[in-house]
Amino acid sequence: MFIEGIHEKDIYTEAYPFRIELNTFENFDWPLHWHHAAELVYPIENGYHTTVNGQEYVMCEKDILFIAGGDTHSFNTRNNKGNRFFIQFDISTMDVFGQAHQLTPFLSITKLISAKDDPLLHTELERNIVGLIHEYQHRALGYTLFLNARIFDILVLLSRSVYSNVDFESSSCNSKKFHILEKLNLAFQYIEEQYQNDISLKDVSFAAGFSEYHFSRLFKEITGKHFLSYLNERRIKKAIQLLIAHNMSITEVALSSGFNSIATFNRTFKKLKGCTPVEYKKMQF
């Protein structure tokens, strides 16, 4: 599994398009990304915070968050001991009867389900999720058929729960979302390859095949940030790596990170980290 631009790829480690990961890290960062797979987040010990399409979801213990395929999301946890399951599955490749397209409009909506707000739906979803986890861990004869059945039970429950709130006109354009994300991914790859150079909004827009206006709007919508803010954050992350791991002067770090002046580097670093590069370096040793 790796992130190319912001597209998470190679999710599955086996032929069956299904993955369960138990995460127990107290401090866990996974950057902004998207994937074709749908995802369930299920914390079984302590709560959890997730950001999807720029909106933060505050989950209590045993809450269930369904993240629609193609929705951008990130995880950032600090000083939070707990256990949380991430469950990912590719609906299109699991659909042996070719009927999943009927549910597509309803599965384009990220939804948080809690026992407090929707006890009946939560109880049914949790029962199926617990069954998924148990079956995946033990892998008895025919376990993939069992997983398939439980996943479609979950999808039907979720679809019926949002039926009255679906805007069919807008959801019919959902297939375009992946095409736009694939194009935007070219921009993120360009930034990753060129952030050390003097690149502009015009350069990145061109790399992705958008006008500057259209790209700016989409970029802000996806990341919650303006292009220059995102670029500076990427450069500061690189600068931090160089400050910690290499015996380089502040000037060398600034230039290697894409800043063409020490003043701009110091000002940007202090704005994002709350201290100067020199102060930060001293704190690490």
C-alpha atoms as a PDB file:
ATOM      1  CA  MET A   1       0.000   0.000   0.000  1.00  0.00           C
ATOM      2  CA  PHE A   2       1.371   3.408  -0.973  1.00  0.00           C
ATOM      3  CA  ILE A   3       0.185   6.904  -1.833  1.00  0.00           C
ATOM      4  CA  GLU A   4       0.923   8.287  -5.286  1.00  0.00           C
ATOM      5  CA  GLY A   5       0.073  11.975  -5.246  1.00  0.00           C
ATOM      6  CA  ILE A   6      -2.958  11.587  -2.993  1.00  0.00           C
ATOM      7  CA  HIS A   7      -4.211   8.344  -4.581  1.00  0.00           C
ATOM      8  CA  GLU A   8      -3.789   5.374  -2.242  1.00  0.00           C
ATOM      9  CA  LYS A   9      -2.956   2.260  -4.260  1.00  0.00           C
ATOM     10  CA  ASP A  10      -2.193  -1.455  -3.748  1.00  0.00           C
ATOM     11  CA  ILE A  11      -4.572  -1.686  -0.793  1.00  0.00           C
ATOM     12  CA  TYR A  12      -5.147  -5.415  -1.016  1.00  0.00           C
ATOM     13  CA  THR A  13      -2.509  -8.018  -0.224  1.00  0.00           C
ATOM     14  CA  GLU A  14      -4.439 -10.919  -1.739  1.00  0.00           C
ATOM     15  CA  ALA A  15      -6.677 -11.573  -4.749  1.00  0.00           C
ATOM     16  CA  TYR A  16      -9.877 -11.002  -2.769  1.00  0.00           C
ATOM     17  CA  PRO A  17     -10.588  -7.206  -2.758  1.00  0.00           C
ATOM     18  CA  PHE A  18     -10.958  -6.863   0.994  1.00  0.00           C
ATOM     19  CA  ARG A  19      -8.703  -5.573   3.779  1.00  0.00           C
ATOM     20  CA  ILE A  20      -9.019  -5.278   7.555  1.00  0.00           C
ATOM     21  CA  GLU A  21      -6.402  -3.417   9.577  1.00  0.00           C
ATOM     22  CA  LEU A  22      -6.348  -3.114  13.370  1.00  0.00           C
ATOM     23  CA  ASN A  23      -4.657   0.163  14.282  1.00  0.00           C
ATOM     24  CA  THR A  24      -3.333   0.614  17.826  1.00  0.00           C
ATOM     25  CA  PHE A  25      -0.902   3.518  17.384  1.00  0.00           C
ATOM     26  CA  GLU A  26      -1.091   6.239  20.017  1.00  0.00           C
ATOM     27  CA  ASN A  27       0.321   8.715  17.508  1.00  0.00           C
ATOM     28  CA  PHE A  28      -0.757   8.021  13.946  1.00  0.00           C
ATOM     29  CA  ASP A  29      -0.583  10.225  10.864  1.00  0.00           C
ATOM     30  CA  TRP A  30      -1.871   9.183   7.457  1.00  0.00           C
ATOM     31  CA  PRO A  31      -1.956  12.082   4.988  1.00  0.00           C
ATOM     32  CA  LEU A  32      -4.792  13.255   2.792  1.00  0.00           C
ATOM     33  CA  HIS A  33      -5.660  10.517   0.288  1.00  0.00           C
ATOM     34  CA  TRP A  34      -8.461   8.839  -1.634  1.00  0.00           C
ATOM     35  CA  HIS A  35      -9.100   5.411  -3.114  1.00  0.00           C
ATOM     36  CA  HIS A  36     -11.730   3.641  -5.168  1.00  0.00           C
ATOM     37  CA  ALA A  37     -12.538   1.354  -2.245  1.00  0.00           C
ATOM     38  CA  ALA A  38     -15.236   2.120   0.286  1.00  0.00           C
ATOM     39  CA  GLU A  39     -14.046   2.167   3.898  1.00  0.00           C
ATOM     40  CA  LEU A  40     -15.475   1.568   7.360  1.00  0.00           C
ATOM     41  CA  VAL A  41     -13.786   3.020  10.450  1.00  0.00           C
ATOM     42  CA  TYR A  42     -14.773   1.276  13.686  1.00  0.00           C
ATOM     43  CA  PRO A  43     -13.032   2.252  16.969  1.00  0.00           C
ATOM     44  CA  ILE A  44     -13.584  -0.421  19.598  1.00  0.00           C
ATOM     45  CA  GLU A  45     -11.574   1.236  22.366  1.00  0.00           C
ATOM     46  CA  ASN A  46     -11.675   5.024  22.899  1.00  0.00           C
ATOM     47  CA  GLY A  47     -12.820   7.531  20.312  1.00  0.00           C
ATOM     48  CA  TYR A  48     -11.212   8.646  17.082  1.00  0.00           C
ATOM     49  CA  HIS A  49     -11.067  11.698  14.809  1.00  0.00           C
ATOM     50  CA  THR A  50     -11.191  11.518  11.025  1.00  0.00           C
ATOM     51  CA  THR A  51     -11.344  14.288   8.433  1.00  0.00           C
ATOM     52  CA  VAL A  52     -13.341  13.562   5.256  1.00  0.00           C
ATOM     53  CA  ASN A  53     -13.744  16.105   2.445  1.00  0.00           C
ATOM     54  CA  GLY A  54     -12.523  18.794   4.822  1.00  0.00           C
ATOM     55  CA  GLN A  55     -15.083  17.922   7.526  1.00  0.00           C
ATOM     56  CA  GLU A  56     -13.933  16.541  10.860  1.00  0.00           C
ATOM     57  CA  TYR A  57     -15.829  13.564  12.269  1.00  0.00           C
ATOM     58  CA  VAL A  58     -15.515  13.084  16.030  1.00  0.00           C
ATOM     59  CA  MET A  59     -16.177   9.426  16.735  1.00  0.00           C
ATOM     60  CA  CYS A  60     -17.020   7.980  20.123  1.00  0.00           C
ATOM     61  CA  GLU A  61     -16.122   4.415  21.042  1.00  0.00           C
ATOM     62  CA  LYS A  62     -18.035   1.900  18.872  1.00  0.00           C
ATOM     63  CA  ASP A  63     -19.255   4.564  16.421  1.00  0.00           C
ATOM     64  CA  ILE A  64     -19.131   3.542  12.747  1.00  0.00           C
ATOM     65  CA  LEU A  65     -17.979   5.829   9.936  1.00  0.00           C
ATOM     66  CA  PHE A  66     -18.666   4.848   6.325  1.00  0.00           C
ATOM     67  CA  ILE A  67     -16.327   6.671   3.922  1.00  0.00           C
ATOM     68  CA  ALA A  68     -17.521   6.643   0.324  1.00  0.00           C
ATOM     69  CA  GLY A  69     -15.109   5.627  -2.407  1.00  0.00           C
ATOM     70  CA  GLY A  70     -13.412   8.697  -3.878  1.00  0.00           C
ATOM     71  CA  ASP A  71     -13.885  10.878  -0.786  1.00  0.00           C
ATOM     72  CA  THR A  72     -10.622  12.439   0.356  1.00  0.00           C
ATOM     73  CA  HIS A  73      -9.735  11.772   3.974  1.00  0.00           C
ATOM     74  CA  SER A  74      -6.879  11.796   6.453  1.00  0.00           C
ATOM     75  CA  PHE A  75      -6.091  10.474   9.921  1.00  0.00           C
ATOM     76  CA  ASN A  76      -4.179  12.378  12.578  1.00  0.00           C
ATOM     77  CA  THR A  77      -4.058  11.036  16.113  1.00  0.00           C
ATOM     78  CA  ARG A  78      -2.047  12.350  19.046  1.00  0.00           C
ATOM     79  CA  ASN A  79      -1.878  10.880  22.559  1.00  0.00           C
ATOM     80  CA  ASN A  80      -4.868   8.654  21.936  1.00  0.00           C
ATOM     81  CA  LYS A  81      -4.398   5.074  23.027  1.00  0.00           C
ATOM     82  CA  GLY A  82      -7.014   2.815  21.551  1.00  0.00           C
ATOM     83  CA  ASN A  83      -7.983   0.148  19.039  1.00  0.00           C
ATOM     84  CA  ARG A  84      -9.691   0.972  15.800  1.00  0.00           C
ATOM     85  CA  PHE A  85     -10.472  -1.171  12.771  1.00  0.00           C
ATOM     86  CA  PHE A  86     -10.152   0.046   9.187  1.00  0.00           C
ATOM     87  CA  ILE A  87     -12.136  -2.098   6.749  1.00  0.00           C
ATOM     88  CA  GLN A  88     -11.776  -1.524   2.995  1.00  0.00           C
ATOM     89  CA  PHE A  89     -13.524  -3.268   0.127  1.00  0.00           C
ATOM     90  CA  ASP A  90     -14.031  -2.747  -3.594  1.00  0.00           C
ATOM     91  CA  ILE A  91     -17.744  -3.018  -4.309  1.00  0.00           C
ATOM     92  CA  SER A  92     -17.493  -3.327  -8.098  1.00  0.00           C
ATOM     93  CA  THR A  93     -15.148  -6.331  -8.042  1.00  0.00           C
ATOM     94  CA  MET A  94     -17.103  -8.108  -5.311  1.00  0.00           C
ATOM     95  CA  ASP A  95     -20.428  -7.866  -7.148  1.00  0.00           C
ATOM     96  CA  VAL A  96     -20.826 -11.351  -8.639  1.00  0.00           C
ATOM     97  CA  PHE A  97     -24.448 -10.692  -9.707  1.00  0.00           C
ATOM     98  CA  GLY A  98     -23.861  -7.291 -11.327  1.00  0.00           C
ATOM     99  CA  GLN A  99     -26.530  -5.568  -9.225  1.00  0.00           C
ATOM    100  CA  ALA A 100     -24.394  -3.251  -7.098  1.00  0.00           C
ATOM    101  CA  HIS A 101     -24.918  -0.347  -9.529  1.00  0.00           C
ATOM    102  CA  GLN A 102     -28.431  -0.020  -8.074  1.00  0.00           C
ATOM    103  CA  LEU A 103     -26.866   1.054  -4.767  1.00  0.00           C
ATOM    104  CA  THR A 104     -24.270   3.418  -6.228  1.00  0.00           C
ATOM    105  CA  PRO A 105     -26.214   6.678  -5.633  1.00  0.00           C
ATOM    106  CA  PHE A 106     -26.632   5.780  -1.971  1.00  0.00           C
ATOM    107  CA  LEU A 107     -23.009   4.731  -1.454  1.00  0.00           C
ATOM    108  CA  SER A 108     -21.583   8.075  -2.545  1.00  0.00           C
ATOM    109  CA  ILE A 109     -22.415   9.593   0.848  1.00  0.00           C
ATOM    110  CA  THR A 110     -20.018   9.469   3.796  1.00  0.00           C
ATOM    111  CA  LYS A 111     -22.044   8.806   6.927  1.00  0.00           C
ATOM    112  CA  LEU A 112     -21.383   8.581  10.689  1.00  0.00           C
ATOM    113  CA  ILE A 113     -23.584   6.109  12.567  1.00  0.00           C
ATOM    114  CA  SER A 114     -23.743   6.154  16.350  1.00  0.00           C
ATOM    115  CA  ALA A 115     -25.700   4.074  18.837  1.00  0.00           C
ATOM    116  CA  LYS A 116     -27.017   7.282  20.384  1.00  0.00           C
ATOM    117  CA  ASP A 117     -28.447   8.834  17.209  1.00  0.00           C
ATOM    118  CA  ASP A 118     -29.556   5.722  15.323  1.00  0.00           C
ATOM    119  CA  PRO A 119     -29.580   2.697  17.674  1.00  0.00           C
ATOM    120  CA  LEU A 120     -31.361   0.251  15.336  1.00  0.00           C
ATOM    121  CA  LEU A 121     -29.108   0.907  12.348  1.00  0.00           C
ATOM    122  CA  HIS A 122     -26.010   0.888  14.545  1.00  0.00           C
ATOM    123  CA  THR A 123     -26.928  -2.451  16.110  1.00  0.00           C
ATOM    124  CA  GLU A 124     -27.416  -4.122  12.716  1.00  0.00           C
ATOM    125  CA  LEU A 125     -24.251  -2.627  11.219  1.00  0.00           C
ATOM    126  CA  GLU A 126     -22.147  -3.515  14.248  1.00  0.00           C
ATOM    127  CA  ARG A 127     -23.394  -7.109  14.196  1.00  0.00           C
ATOM    128  CA  ASN A 128     -22.275  -7.468  10.582  1.00  0.00           C
ATOM    129  CA  ILE A 129     -18.953  -5.724  11.162  1.00  0.00           C
ATOM    130  CA  VAL A 130     -18.121  -7.945  14.141  1.00  0.00           C
ATOM    131  CA  GLY A 131     -18.975 -10.935  11.944  1.00  0.00           C
ATOM    132  CA  LEU A 132     -16.642  -9.648   9.218  1.00  0.00           C
ATOM    133  CA  ILE A 133     -13.762  -9.245  11.648  1.00  0.00           C
ATOM    134  CA  HIS A 134     -14.245 -12.681  13.222  1.00  0.00           C
ATOM    135  CA  GLU A 135     -14.551 -14.448   9.866  1.00  0.00           C
ATOM    136  CA  TYR A 136     -11.546 -12.661   8.377  1.00  0.00           C
ATOM    137  CA  GLN A 137      -9.383 -13.533  11.355  1.00  0.00           C
ATOM    138  CA  HIS A 138     -10.302 -17.248  11.347  1.00  0.00           C
ATOM    139  CA  ARG A 139     -10.712 -17.796   7.581  1.00  0.00           C
ATOM    140  CA  ALA A 140     -12.720 -20.978   7.732  1.00  0.00           C
ATOM    141  CA  LEU A 141     -13.944 -22.786   4.620  1.00  0.00           C
ATOM    142  CA  GLY A 142     -15.873 -20.414   2.350  1.00  0.00           C
ATOM    143  CA  TYR A 143     -14.921 -17.341   4.355  1.00  0.00           C
ATOM    144  CA  THR A 144     -14.837 -15.077   1.271  1.00  0.00           C
ATOM    145  CA  LEU A 145     -18.464 -15.958   0.530  1.00  0.00           C
ATOM    146  CA  PHE A 146     -19.334 -15.072   4.109  1.00  0.00           C
ATOM    147  CA  LEU A 147     -17.478 -11.743   3.808  1.00  0.00           C
ATOM    148  CA  ASN A 148     -19.243 -10.967   0.548  1.00  0.00           C
ATOM    149  CA  ALA A 149     -22.643 -11.621   2.115  1.00  0.00           C
ATOM    150  CA  ARG A 150     -21.958  -9.458   5.165  1.00  0.00           C
ATOM    151  CA  ILE A 151     -20.591  -6.590   3.075  1.00  0.00           C
ATOM    152  CA  PHE A 152     -23.709  -6.490   0.939  1.00  0.00           C
ATOM    153  CA  ASP A 153     -25.863  -6.689   4.081  1.00  0.00           C
ATOM    154  CA  ILE A 154     -23.974  -3.587   5.285  1.00  0.00           C
ATOM    155  CA  LEU A 155     -24.382  -1.810   1.959  1.00  0.00           C
ATOM    156  CA  VAL A 156     -28.128  -2.453   1.841  1.00  0.00           C
ATOM    157  CA  LEU A 157     -28.539  -1.171   5.403  1.00  0.00           C
ATOM    158  CA  LEU A 158     -26.562   1.981   4.612  1.00  0.00           C
ATOM    159  CA  SER A 159     -28.407   2.571   1.335  1.00  0.00           C
ATOM    160  CA  ARG A 160     -31.829   2.291   2.937  1.00  0.00           C
ATOM    161  CA  SER A 161     -30.793   4.626   5.750  1.00  0.00           C
ATOM    162  CA  VAL A 162     -29.973   7.498   3.358  1.00  0.00           C
ATOM    163  CA  TYR A 163     -32.620   6.805   0.680  1.00  0.00           C
ATOM    164  CA  SER A 164     -34.802   9.809   1.444  1.00  0.00           C
ATOM    165  CA  ASN A 165     -31.831  12.206   1.550  1.00  0.00           C
ATOM    166  CA  VAL A 166     -30.204  11.316  -1.768  1.00  0.00           C
ATOM    167  CA  ASP A 167     -30.086  13.927  -4.508  1.00  0.00           C
ATOM    168  CA  PHE A 168     -30.337  11.632  -7.536  1.00  0.00           C
ATOM    169  CA  GLU A 169     -29.478  14.384  -9.993  1.00  0.00           C
ATOM    170  CA  SER A 170     -26.149  15.156  -8.328  1.00  0.00           C
ATOM    171  CA  SER A 171     -25.355  11.540  -7.474  1.00  0.00           C
ATOM    172  CA  SER A 172     -25.764  10.560 -11.124  1.00  0.00           C
ATOM    173  CA  CYS A 173     -22.587  12.555 -11.760  1.00  0.00           C
ATOM    174  CA  ASN A 174     -20.692  10.522  -9.182  1.00  0.00           C
ATOM    175  CA  SER A 175     -18.766   8.620 -11.848  1.00  0.00           C
ATOM    176  CA  LYS A 176     -17.119  11.898 -12.844  1.00  0.00           C
ATOM    177  CA  LYS A 177     -15.619  12.217  -9.361  1.00  0.00           C
ATOM    178  CA  PHE A 178     -12.994   9.550  -9.995  1.00  0.00           C
ATOM    179  CA  HIS A 179     -12.034  11.107 -13.331  1.00  0.00           C
ATOM    180  CA  ILE A 180     -11.502  14.493 -11.687  1.00  0.00           C
ATOM    181  CA  LEU A 181      -9.510  12.940  -8.845  1.00  0.00           C
ATOM    182  CA  GLU A 182      -7.276  11.096 -11.291  1.00  0.00           C
ATOM    183  CA  LYS A 183      -6.532  14.385 -13.064  1.00  0.00           C
ATOM    184  CA  LEU A 184      -5.933  16.194  -9.776  1.00  0.00           C
ATOM    185  CA  ASN A 185      -3.566  13.438  -8.790  1.00  0.00           C
ATOM    186  CA  LEU A 186      -1.283  14.594 -11.600  1.00  0.00           C
ATOM    187  CA  ALA A 187      -1.031  17.918  -9.793  1.00  0.00           C
ATOM    188  CA  PHE A 188      -0.044  16.312  -6.501  1.00  0.00           C
ATOM    189  CA  GLN A 189       2.550  14.176  -8.253  1.00  0.00           C
ATOM    190  CA  TYR A 190       3.916  17.292  -9.946  1.00  0.00           C
ATOM    191  CA  ILE A 191       4.170  19.088  -6.592  1.00  0.00           C
ATOM    192  CA  GLU A 192       5.959  16.106  -5.061  1.00  0.00           C
ATOM    193  CA  GLU A 193       8.482  16.016  -7.903  1.00  0.00           C
ATOM    194  CA  GLN A 194       9.006  19.783  -8.242  1.00  0.00           C
ATOM    195  CA  TYR A 195       8.444  21.367  -4.792  1.00  0.00           C
ATOM    196  CA  GLN A 196      12.179  22.090  -4.483  1.00  0.00           C
ATOM    197  CA  ASN A 197      11.958  24.305  -7.565  1.00  0.00           C
ATOM    198  CA  ASP A 198      10.236  27.631  -8.181  1.00  0.00           C
ATOM    199  CA  ILE A 199       6.797  26.376  -9.237  1.00  0.00           C
ATOM    200  CA  SER A 200       3.617  28.384  -9.610  1.00  0.00           C
ATOM    201  CA  LEU A 201      -0.129  27.827  -9.622  1.00  0.00           C
ATOM    202  CA  LYS A 202       0.012  28.113 -13.416  1.00  0.00           C
ATOM    203  CA  ASP A 203       2.602  25.313 -13.643  1.00  0.00           C
ATOM    204  CA  VAL A 204       0.625  22.915 -11.459  1.00  0.00           C
ATOM    205  CA  SER A 205      -2.708  23.713 -13.135  1.00  0.00           C
ATOM    206  CA  PHE A 206      -1.176  22.988 -16.522  1.00  0.00           C
ATOM    207  CA  ALA A 207       0.284  19.689 -15.282  1.00  0.00           C
ATOM    208  CA  ALA A 208      -3.207  18.572 -14.206  1.00  0.00           C
ATOM    209  CA  GLY A 209      -4.946  19.826 -17.361  1.00  0.00           C
ATOM    210  CA  PHE A 210      -7.103  22.487 -15.666  1.00  0.00           C
ATOM    211  CA  SER A 211      -7.441  26.238 -15.964  1.00  0.00           C
ATOM    212  CA  GLU A 212      -5.958  28.130 -13.003  1.00  0.00           C
ATOM    213  CA  TYR A 213      -9.426  29.173 -11.822  1.00  0.00           C
ATOM    214  CA  HIS A 214     -10.913  25.678 -12.035  1.00  0.00           C
ATOM    215  CA  PHE A 215      -7.846  24.090 -10.448  1.00  0.00           C
ATOM    216  CA  SER A 216      -7.801  26.573  -7.550  1.00  0.00           C
ATOM    217  CA  ARG A 217     -11.445  25.875  -6.772  1.00  0.00           C
ATOM    218  CA  LEU A 218     -11.056  22.092  -6.933  1.00  0.00           C
ATOM    219  CA  PHE A 219      -7.799  22.114  -4.991  1.00  0.00           C
ATOM    220  CA  LYS A 220      -9.360  24.121  -2.146  1.00  0.00           C
ATOM    221  CA  GLU A 221     -12.424  21.875  -2.196  1.00  0.00           C
ATOM    222  CA  ILE A 222     -10.331  18.686  -1.954  1.00  0.00           C
ATOM    223  CA  THR A 223      -7.615  19.764   0.490  1.00  0.00           C
ATOM    224  CA  GLY A 224      -9.298  22.570   2.414  1.00  0.00           C
ATOM    225  CA  LYS A 225      -6.218  24.691   1.623  1.00  0.00           C
ATOM    226  CA  HIS A 226      -5.021  27.101  -1.006  1.00  0.00           C
ATOM    227  CA  PHE A 227      -2.291  25.863  -3.341  1.00  0.00           C
ATOM    228  CA  LEU A 228       0.478  28.036  -1.854  1.00  0.00           C
ATOM    229  CA  SER A 229      -0.392  26.955   1.699  1.00  0.00           C
ATOM    230  CA  TYR A 230      -0.219  23.300   0.692  1.00  0.00           C
ATOM    231  CA  LEU A 231       3.080  23.838  -1.145  1.00  0.00           C
ATOM    232  CA  ASN A 232       4.650  25.615   1.822  1.00  0.00           C
ATOM    233  CA  GLU A 233       3.529  22.870   4.201  1.00  0.00           C
ATOM    234  CA  ARG A 234       5.141  20.268   1.938  1.00  0.00           C
ATOM    235  CA  ARG A 235       8.362  22.274   1.836  1.00  0.00           C
ATOM    236  CA  ILE A 236       8.443  22.678   5.619  1.00  0.00           C
ATOM    237  CA  LYS A 237       7.949  18.913   6.080  1.00  0.00           C
ATOM    238  CA  LYS A 238      11.018  18.362   3.909  1.00  0.00           C
ATOM    239  CA  ALA A 239      12.928  21.027   5.823  1.00  0.00           C
ATOM    240  CA  ILE A 240      12.163  19.279   9.123  1.00  0.00           C
ATOM    241  CA  GLN A 241      13.536  16.006   7.759  1.00  0.00           C
ATOM    242  CA  LEU A 242      16.738  17.756   6.703  1.00  0.00           C
ATOM    243  CA  LEU A 243      17.104  19.627  10.002  1.00  0.00           C
ATOM    244  CA  ILE A 244      16.878  16.406  11.993  1.00  0.00           C
ATOM    245  CA  ALA A 245      18.705  13.915   9.787  1.00  0.00           C
ATOM    246  CA  HIS A 246      21.449  15.946   8.095  1.00  0.00           C
ATOM    247  CA  ASN A 247      24.313  18.170   9.158  1.00  0.00           C
ATOM    248  CA  MET A 248      23.239  21.068   6.941  1.00  0.00           C
ATOM    249  CA  SER A 249      23.229  24.801   7.508  1.00  0.00           C
ATOM    250  CA  ILE A 250      19.904  26.646   7.722  1.00  0.00           C
ATOM    251  CA  THR A 251      20.621  28.201   4.326  1.00  0.00           C
ATOM    252  CA  GLU A 252      21.248  24.800   2.759  1.00  0.00           C
ATOM    253  CA  VAL A 253      18.050  23.419   4.295  1.00  0.00           C
ATOM    254  CA  ALA A 254      16.028  26.378   3.007  1.00  0.00           C
ATOM    255  CA  LEU A 255      17.319  26.066  -0.554  1.00  0.00           C
ATOM    256  CA  SER A 256      16.980  22.252  -0.583  1.00  0.00           C
ATOM    257  CA  SER A 257      13.356  22.588   0.550  1.00  0.00           C
ATOM    258  CA  GLY A 258      12.352  24.999  -2.207  1.00  0.00           C
ATOM    259  CA  PHE A 259      12.668  28.390  -0.497  1.00  0.00           C
ATOM    260  CA  ASN A 260      14.650  31.010  -2.392  1.00  0.00           C
ATOM    261  CA  SER A 261      15.262  33.278   0.608  1.00  0.00           C
ATOM    262  CA  ILE A 262      16.141  32.731   4.275  1.00  0.00           C
ATOM    263  CA  ALA A 263      13.639  35.397   5.359  1.00  0.00           C
ATOM    264  CA  THR A 264      10.744  33.601   3.638  1.00  0.00           C
ATOM    265  CA  PHE A 265      11.891  30.250   5.033  1.00  0.00           C
ATOM    266  CA  ASN A 266      12.126  31.547   8.607  1.00  0.00           C
ATOM    267  CA  ARG A 267       8.789  33.345   8.407  1.00  0.00           C
ATOM    268  CA  THR A 268       6.965  30.335   6.925  1.00  0.00           C
ATOM    269  CA  PHE A 269       8.582  27.887   9.347  1.00  0.00           C
ATOM    270  CA  LYS A 270       7.632  29.963  12.396  1.00  0.00           C
ATOM    271  CA  LYS A 271       4.079  30.413  11.139  1.00  0.00           C
ATOM    272  CA  LEU A 272       3.582  26.654  10.745  1.00  0.00           C
ATOM    273  CA  LYS A 273       5.673  25.295  13.645  1.00  0.00           C
ATOM    274  CA  GLY A 274       5.595  28.147  16.167  1.00  0.00           C
ATOM    275  CA  CYS A 275       9.382  28.518  16.318  1.00  0.00           C
ATOM    276  CA  THR A 276      12.313  29.309  14.053  1.00  0.00           C
ATOM    277  CA  PRO A 277      14.291  26.565  12.250  1.00  0.00           C
ATOM    278  CA  VAL A 278      17.253  27.165  14.581  1.00  0.00           C
ATOM    279  CA  GLU A 279      15.056  26.824  17.671  1.00  0.00           C
ATOM    280  CA  TYR A 280      13.420  23.687  16.266  1.00  0.00           C
ATOM    281  CA  LYS A 281      16.785  22.074  15.565  1.00  0.00           C
ATOM    282  CA  LYS A 282      18.013  22.797  19.110  1.00  0.00           C
ATOM    283  CA  MET A 283      14.895  21.155  20.573  1.00  0.00           C
ATOM    284  CA  GLN A 284      15.654  17.909  18.741  1.00  0.00           C
ATOM    285  CA  PHE A 285      19.088  17.410  20.289  1.00  0.00           C
END
